[in-house]
Amino acid sequence: MEFLLPSRGDSDAAQSPRKSVASTSEPTNQILFVDDDPNLLDSFRRGLHEEFEIETAPGGKEGLAAIHLFGPFAIVISDMRMPGLDGAEFLARVRELSPNTVRILFTGHKDLNRAIAAVNEGQIFRYLTKPCSKEEMVSAIRLALSQYRENVEAARLIKEARKHKLAAATGFLR
């Protein structure tokens, strides 16, 4: 999938497609909340900023732009029903762009078929329903951060094993 970055005055950067933000080897603690309700985003920002690095986006397209501009994120928490790009499709794209990022679906709607699609397409770590207590959200975030660190370490080990395998194969061919 290609995504064109929004223009920020640098015409070359704005026109350069990026396929993945997963190239960084350093883990992050950033969390991205995506919801079309600005009051809810403000609530997350105010209630969780002392404990976590919080970014917010008012929709799926803006969430993808945030991932390109500020990512990678350890966790992306998304509403299900948003105009334009819904949570299932958005989280599936997050998975493509940043496979180590842990994805959480947060919704007030009880549409089981869409929730199943989101879980299957986006490989959702948790499904949280609105309203959600701060304690429940913090608990889910802590578990997701732990899962993210495991994902990053597993990716590092796989990369290292491939490098050694390639080195061994190259040495064998000499």
C-alpha atoms as a PDB file:
ATOM      1  CA  MET A   1       0.000   0.000   0.000  1.00  0.00           C
ATOM      2  CA  GLU A   2       1.265   3.456  -0.837  1.00  0.00           C
ATOM      3  CA  PHE A   3       0.339   6.544   1.115  1.00  0.00           C
ATOM      4  CA  LEU A   4       1.314  10.069   0.112  1.00  0.00           C
ATOM      5  CA  LEU A   5       2.356  12.210   3.029  1.00  0.00           C
ATOM      6  CA  PRO A   6       0.587  15.520   3.471  1.00  0.00           C
ATOM      7  CA  SER A   7       2.578  18.532   2.391  1.00  0.00           C
ATOM      8  CA  ARG A   8       4.545  20.300   5.121  1.00  0.00           C
ATOM      9  CA  GLY A   9       6.397  22.739   2.886  1.00  0.00           C
ATOM     10  CA  ASP A  10       8.897  20.173   1.587  1.00  0.00           C
ATOM     11  CA  SER A  11       7.596  19.222  -1.846  1.00  0.00           C
ATOM     12  CA  ASP A  12       9.948  16.243  -2.192  1.00  0.00           C
ATOM     13  CA  ALA A  13       8.921  14.731   1.163  1.00  0.00           C
ATOM     14  CA  ALA A  14       5.267  15.361   0.436  1.00  0.00           C
ATOM     15  CA  GLN A  15       5.475  13.432  -2.822  1.00  0.00           C
ATOM     16  CA  SER A  16       7.476  10.473  -1.507  1.00  0.00           C
ATOM     17  CA  PRO A  17       5.387   7.360  -0.838  1.00  0.00           C
ATOM     18  CA  ARG A  18       6.314   5.347   2.235  1.00  0.00           C
ATOM     19  CA  LYS A  19       5.456   1.701   2.503  1.00  0.00           C
ATOM     20  CA  SER A  20       6.383   0.978   6.104  1.00  0.00           C
ATOM     21  CA  VAL A  21       7.293   2.838   9.255  1.00  0.00           C
ATOM     22  CA  ALA A  22       8.505  -0.340  10.915  1.00  0.00           C
ATOM     23  CA  SER A  23      12.134   0.248   9.913  1.00  0.00           C
ATOM     24  CA  THR A  24      13.214   1.721  13.228  1.00  0.00           C
ATOM     25  CA  SER A  25      14.819  -0.749  15.595  1.00  0.00           C
ATOM     26  CA  GLU A  26      14.272   1.366  18.691  1.00  0.00           C
ATOM     27  CA  PRO A  27      11.036   0.655  20.562  1.00  0.00           C
ATOM     28  CA  THR A  28       8.712   3.537  21.294  1.00  0.00           C
ATOM     29  CA  ASN A  29       6.124   4.240  23.969  1.00  0.00           C
ATOM     30  CA  GLN A  30       3.938   6.473  21.794  1.00  0.00           C
ATOM     31  CA  ILE A  31       0.209   5.753  21.720  1.00  0.00           C
ATOM     32  CA  LEU A  32      -2.114   6.976  18.986  1.00  0.00           C
ATOM     33  CA  PHE A  33      -5.839   7.395  19.715  1.00  0.00           C
ATOM     34  CA  VAL A  34      -8.062   7.678  16.629  1.00  0.00           C
ATOM     35  CA  ASP A  35     -11.691   8.733  17.039  1.00  0.00           C
ATOM     36  CA  ASP A  36     -14.026  11.194  15.343  1.00  0.00           C
ATOM     37  CA  ASP A  37     -15.236  12.485  18.734  1.00  0.00           C
ATOM     38  CA  PRO A  38     -12.995  15.449  19.689  1.00  0.00           C
ATOM     39  CA  ASN A  39     -14.278  15.424  23.282  1.00  0.00           C
ATOM     40  CA  LEU A  40     -13.203  11.809  23.701  1.00  0.00           C
ATOM     41  CA  LEU A  41      -9.760  12.555  22.230  1.00  0.00           C
ATOM     42  CA  ASP A  42      -9.359  15.487  24.638  1.00  0.00           C
ATOM     43  CA  SER A  43     -10.414  13.235  27.502  1.00  0.00           C
ATOM     44  CA  PHE A  44      -7.729  10.672  26.597  1.00  0.00           C
ATOM     45  CA  ARG A  45      -5.110  13.361  26.220  1.00  0.00           C
ATOM     46  CA  ARG A  46      -5.941  14.946  29.605  1.00  0.00           C
ATOM     47  CA  GLY A  47      -6.464  11.704  31.510  1.00  0.00           C
ATOM     48  CA  LEU A  48      -3.470   9.741  30.273  1.00  0.00           C
ATOM     49  CA  HIS A  49      -0.750  12.252  29.330  1.00  0.00           C
ATOM     50  CA  GLU A  50       1.043  12.030  32.676  1.00  0.00           C
ATOM     51  CA  GLU A  51       1.606   8.307  32.319  1.00  0.00           C
ATOM     52  CA  PHE A  52       1.849   7.811  28.529  1.00  0.00           C
ATOM     53  CA  GLU A  53       3.012   9.601  25.361  1.00  0.00           C
ATOM     54  CA  ILE A  54      -0.328  10.373  23.685  1.00  0.00           C
ATOM     55  CA  GLU A  55      -1.033  11.532  20.138  1.00  0.00           C
ATOM     56  CA  THR A  56      -4.538  11.832  18.709  1.00  0.00           C
ATOM     57  CA  ALA A  57      -6.131  11.892  15.270  1.00  0.00           C
ATOM     58  CA  PRO A  58      -9.758  12.717  14.399  1.00  0.00           C
ATOM     59  CA  GLY A  59     -10.179   9.966  11.796  1.00  0.00           C
ATOM     60  CA  GLY A  60      -8.611   7.082   9.921  1.00  0.00           C
ATOM     61  CA  LYS A  61      -6.952   9.150   7.192  1.00  0.00           C
ATOM     62  CA  GLU A  62      -5.486  11.499   9.772  1.00  0.00           C
ATOM     63  CA  GLY A  63      -4.369   8.477  11.784  1.00  0.00           C
ATOM     64  CA  LEU A  64      -2.454   7.121   8.781  1.00  0.00           C
ATOM     65  CA  ALA A  65      -0.846  10.535   8.281  1.00  0.00           C
ATOM     66  CA  ALA A  66       0.148  10.604  11.967  1.00  0.00           C
ATOM     67  CA  ILE A  67       1.754   7.174  11.624  1.00  0.00           C
ATOM     68  CA  HIS A  68       3.790   8.368   8.653  1.00  0.00           C
ATOM     69  CA  LEU A  69       4.763  11.668  10.251  1.00  0.00           C
ATOM     70  CA  PHE A  70       5.245  10.685  13.907  1.00  0.00           C
ATOM     71  CA  GLY A  71       5.434   6.881  13.932  1.00  0.00           C
ATOM     72  CA  PRO A  72       6.068   4.254  14.758  1.00  0.00           C
ATOM     73  CA  PHE A  73       3.572   3.948  17.567  1.00  0.00           C
ATOM     74  CA  ALA A  74       3.652   1.184  20.162  1.00  0.00           C
ATOM     75  CA  ILE A  75      -0.156   1.136  20.304  1.00  0.00           C
ATOM     76  CA  VAL A  76      -2.948   2.400  18.079  1.00  0.00           C
ATOM     77  CA  ILE A  77      -6.389   2.604  19.696  1.00  0.00           C
ATOM     78  CA  SER A  78      -9.175   3.221  17.210  1.00  0.00           C
ATOM     79  CA  ASP A  79     -12.911   3.743  17.221  1.00  0.00           C
ATOM     80  CA  MET A  80     -14.850   1.401  14.951  1.00  0.00           C
ATOM     81  CA  ARG A  81     -17.326   3.752  13.325  1.00  0.00           C
ATOM     82  CA  MET A  82     -15.756   6.822  11.798  1.00  0.00           C
ATOM     83  CA  PRO A  83     -16.626   8.678   8.614  1.00  0.00           C
ATOM     84  CA  GLY A  84     -14.549   7.734   5.600  1.00  0.00           C
ATOM     85  CA  LEU A  85     -12.160   5.065   6.807  1.00  0.00           C
ATOM     86  CA  ASP A  86     -13.743   2.843   9.467  1.00  0.00           C
ATOM     87  CA  GLY A  87     -11.828   1.247  12.318  1.00  0.00           C
ATOM     88  CA  ALA A  88     -11.590  -2.206  10.724  1.00  0.00           C
ATOM     89  CA  GLU A  89     -10.041  -0.907   7.518  1.00  0.00           C
ATOM     90  CA  PHE A  90      -7.869   1.609   9.353  1.00  0.00           C
ATOM     91  CA  LEU A  91      -6.424  -1.009  11.725  1.00  0.00           C
ATOM     92  CA  ALA A  92      -5.803  -3.405   8.824  1.00  0.00           C
ATOM     93  CA  ARG A  93      -3.751  -0.643   7.165  1.00  0.00           C
ATOM     94  CA  VAL A  94      -1.914   0.025  10.421  1.00  0.00           C
ATOM     95  CA  ARG A  95      -0.981  -3.656  10.473  1.00  0.00           C
ATOM     96  CA  GLU A  96       0.483  -3.359   6.953  1.00  0.00           C
ATOM     97  CA  LEU A  97       2.397  -0.160   7.736  1.00  0.00           C
ATOM     98  CA  SER A  98       3.650  -1.046  11.189  1.00  0.00           C
ATOM     99  CA  PRO A  99       3.294  -4.760  11.972  1.00  0.00           C
ATOM    100  CA  ASN A 100       4.835  -4.458  15.448  1.00  0.00           C
ATOM    101  CA  THR A 101       2.259  -1.887  16.534  1.00  0.00           C
ATOM    102  CA  VAL A 102      -0.366  -3.329  18.868  1.00  0.00           C
ATOM    103  CA  ARG A 103      -3.900  -2.524  17.748  1.00  0.00           C
ATOM    104  CA  ILE A 104      -6.893  -1.998  20.056  1.00  0.00           C
ATOM    105  CA  LEU A 105     -10.466  -1.491  18.889  1.00  0.00           C
ATOM    106  CA  PHE A 106     -12.517   0.858  21.045  1.00  0.00           C
ATOM    107  CA  THR A 107     -16.176   1.200  20.198  1.00  0.00           C
ATOM    108  CA  GLY A 108     -19.619   1.925  21.565  1.00  0.00           C
ATOM    109  CA  HIS A 109     -21.343   0.018  18.790  1.00  0.00           C
ATOM    110  CA  LYS A 110     -22.239  -3.609  19.155  1.00  0.00           C
ATOM    111  CA  ASP A 111     -21.977  -4.540  15.457  1.00  0.00           C
ATOM    112  CA  LEU A 112     -20.621  -8.060  15.862  1.00  0.00           C
ATOM    113  CA  ASN A 113     -19.917  -8.638  12.162  1.00  0.00           C
ATOM    114  CA  ARG A 114     -17.799  -5.480  11.850  1.00  0.00           C
ATOM    115  CA  ALA A 115     -16.018  -6.280  15.105  1.00  0.00           C
ATOM    116  CA  ILE A 116     -15.175  -9.764  13.804  1.00  0.00           C
ATOM    117  CA  ALA A 117     -13.915  -8.224  10.555  1.00  0.00           C
ATOM    118  CA  ALA A 118     -11.733  -5.804  12.513  1.00  0.00           C
ATOM    119  CA  VAL A 119     -10.295  -8.599  14.633  1.00  0.00           C
ATOM    120  CA  ASN A 120      -9.592 -10.785  11.609  1.00  0.00           C
ATOM    121  CA  GLU A 121      -8.290  -8.099   9.250  1.00  0.00           C
ATOM    122  CA  GLY A 122      -6.371  -6.014  11.752  1.00  0.00           C
ATOM    123  CA  GLN A 123      -5.347  -8.748  14.187  1.00  0.00           C
ATOM    124  CA  ILE A 124      -6.721  -6.803  17.123  1.00  0.00           C
ATOM    125  CA  PHE A 125      -5.048  -7.269  20.509  1.00  0.00           C
ATOM    126  CA  ARG A 126      -8.038  -6.076  22.565  1.00  0.00           C
ATOM    127  CA  TYR A 127     -11.623  -5.056  21.967  1.00  0.00           C
ATOM    128  CA  LEU A 128     -12.808  -2.406  24.428  1.00  0.00           C
ATOM    129  CA  THR A 129     -16.348  -1.071  24.653  1.00  0.00           C
ATOM    130  CA  LYS A 130     -17.419   2.492  25.354  1.00  0.00           C
ATOM    131  CA  PRO A 131     -17.753   3.665  27.985  1.00  0.00           C
ATOM    132  CA  CYS A 132     -14.509   2.347  29.386  1.00  0.00           C
ATOM    133  CA  SER A 133     -13.103   3.219  32.805  1.00  0.00           C
ATOM    134  CA  LYS A 134      -9.698   4.833  33.058  1.00  0.00           C
ATOM    135  CA  GLU A 135      -8.483   1.788  35.020  1.00  0.00           C
ATOM    136  CA  GLU A 136      -9.601  -0.600  32.269  1.00  0.00           C
ATOM    137  CA  MET A 137      -7.957   1.570  29.587  1.00  0.00           C
ATOM    138  CA  VAL A 138      -4.693   1.875  31.553  1.00  0.00           C
ATOM    139  CA  SER A 139      -4.630  -1.885  32.133  1.00  0.00           C
ATOM    140  CA  ALA A 140      -5.164  -2.561  28.416  1.00  0.00           C
ATOM    141  CA  ILE A 141      -2.435  -0.063  27.500  1.00  0.00           C
ATOM    142  CA  ARG A 142       0.066  -1.639  29.911  1.00  0.00           C
ATOM    143  CA  LEU A 143      -0.630  -5.107  28.520  1.00  0.00           C
ATOM    144  CA  ALA A 144      -0.383  -3.775  24.969  1.00  0.00           C
ATOM    145  CA  LEU A 145       2.969  -2.071  25.710  1.00  0.00           C
ATOM    146  CA  SER A 146       4.293  -5.385  26.992  1.00  0.00           C
ATOM    147  CA  GLN A 147       3.043  -7.119  23.837  1.00  0.00           C
ATOM    148  CA  TYR A 148       4.626  -4.402  21.685  1.00  0.00           C
ATOM    149  CA  ARG A 149       8.025  -4.928  23.348  1.00  0.00           C
ATOM    150  CA  GLU A 150       7.706  -8.669  22.681  1.00  0.00           C
ATOM    151  CA  ASN A 151       6.825  -7.944  19.034  1.00  0.00           C
ATOM    152  CA  VAL A 152       9.855  -5.678  18.597  1.00  0.00           C
ATOM    153  CA  GLU A 153      12.193  -8.220  20.221  1.00  0.00           C
ATOM    154  CA  ALA A 154      10.818 -11.055  18.080  1.00  0.00           C
ATOM    155  CA  ALA A 155      11.298  -8.960  14.926  1.00  0.00           C
ATOM    156  CA  ARG A 156      14.864  -8.162  15.997  1.00  0.00           C
ATOM    157  CA  LEU A 157      15.658 -11.825  16.577  1.00  0.00           C
ATOM    158  CA  ILE A 158      14.189 -12.836  13.212  1.00  0.00           C
ATOM    159  CA  LYS A 159      16.216 -10.139  11.443  1.00  0.00           C
ATOM    160  CA  GLU A 160      19.369 -11.250  13.234  1.00  0.00           C
ATOM    161  CA  ALA A 161      18.760 -14.915  12.377  1.00  0.00           C
ATOM    162  CA  ARG A 162      18.221 -14.037   8.708  1.00  0.00           C
ATOM    163  CA  LYS A 163      21.433 -12.006   8.697  1.00  0.00           C
ATOM    164  CA  HIS A 164      23.403 -14.942  10.145  1.00  0.00           C
ATOM    165  CA  LYS A 165      21.775 -17.369   7.739  1.00  0.00           C
ATOM    166  CA  LEU A 166      22.669 -15.130   4.801  1.00  0.00           C
ATOM    167  CA  ALA A 167      26.236 -14.734   6.067  1.00  0.00           C
ATOM    168  CA  ALA A 168      26.560 -18.496   6.436  1.00  0.00           C
ATOM    169  CA  ALA A 169      25.157 -19.095   2.961  1.00  0.00           C
ATOM    170  CA  THR A 170      27.468 -16.460   1.459  1.00  0.00           C
ATOM    171  CA  GLY A 171      30.467 -17.996   3.226  1.00  0.00           C
ATOM    172  CA  PHE A 172      29.480 -21.437   1.964  1.00  0.00           C
ATOM    173  CA  LEU A 173      29.411 -20.200  -1.649  1.00  0.00           C
ATOM    174  CA  ARG A 174      32.944 -18.778  -1.502  1.00  0.00           C
END
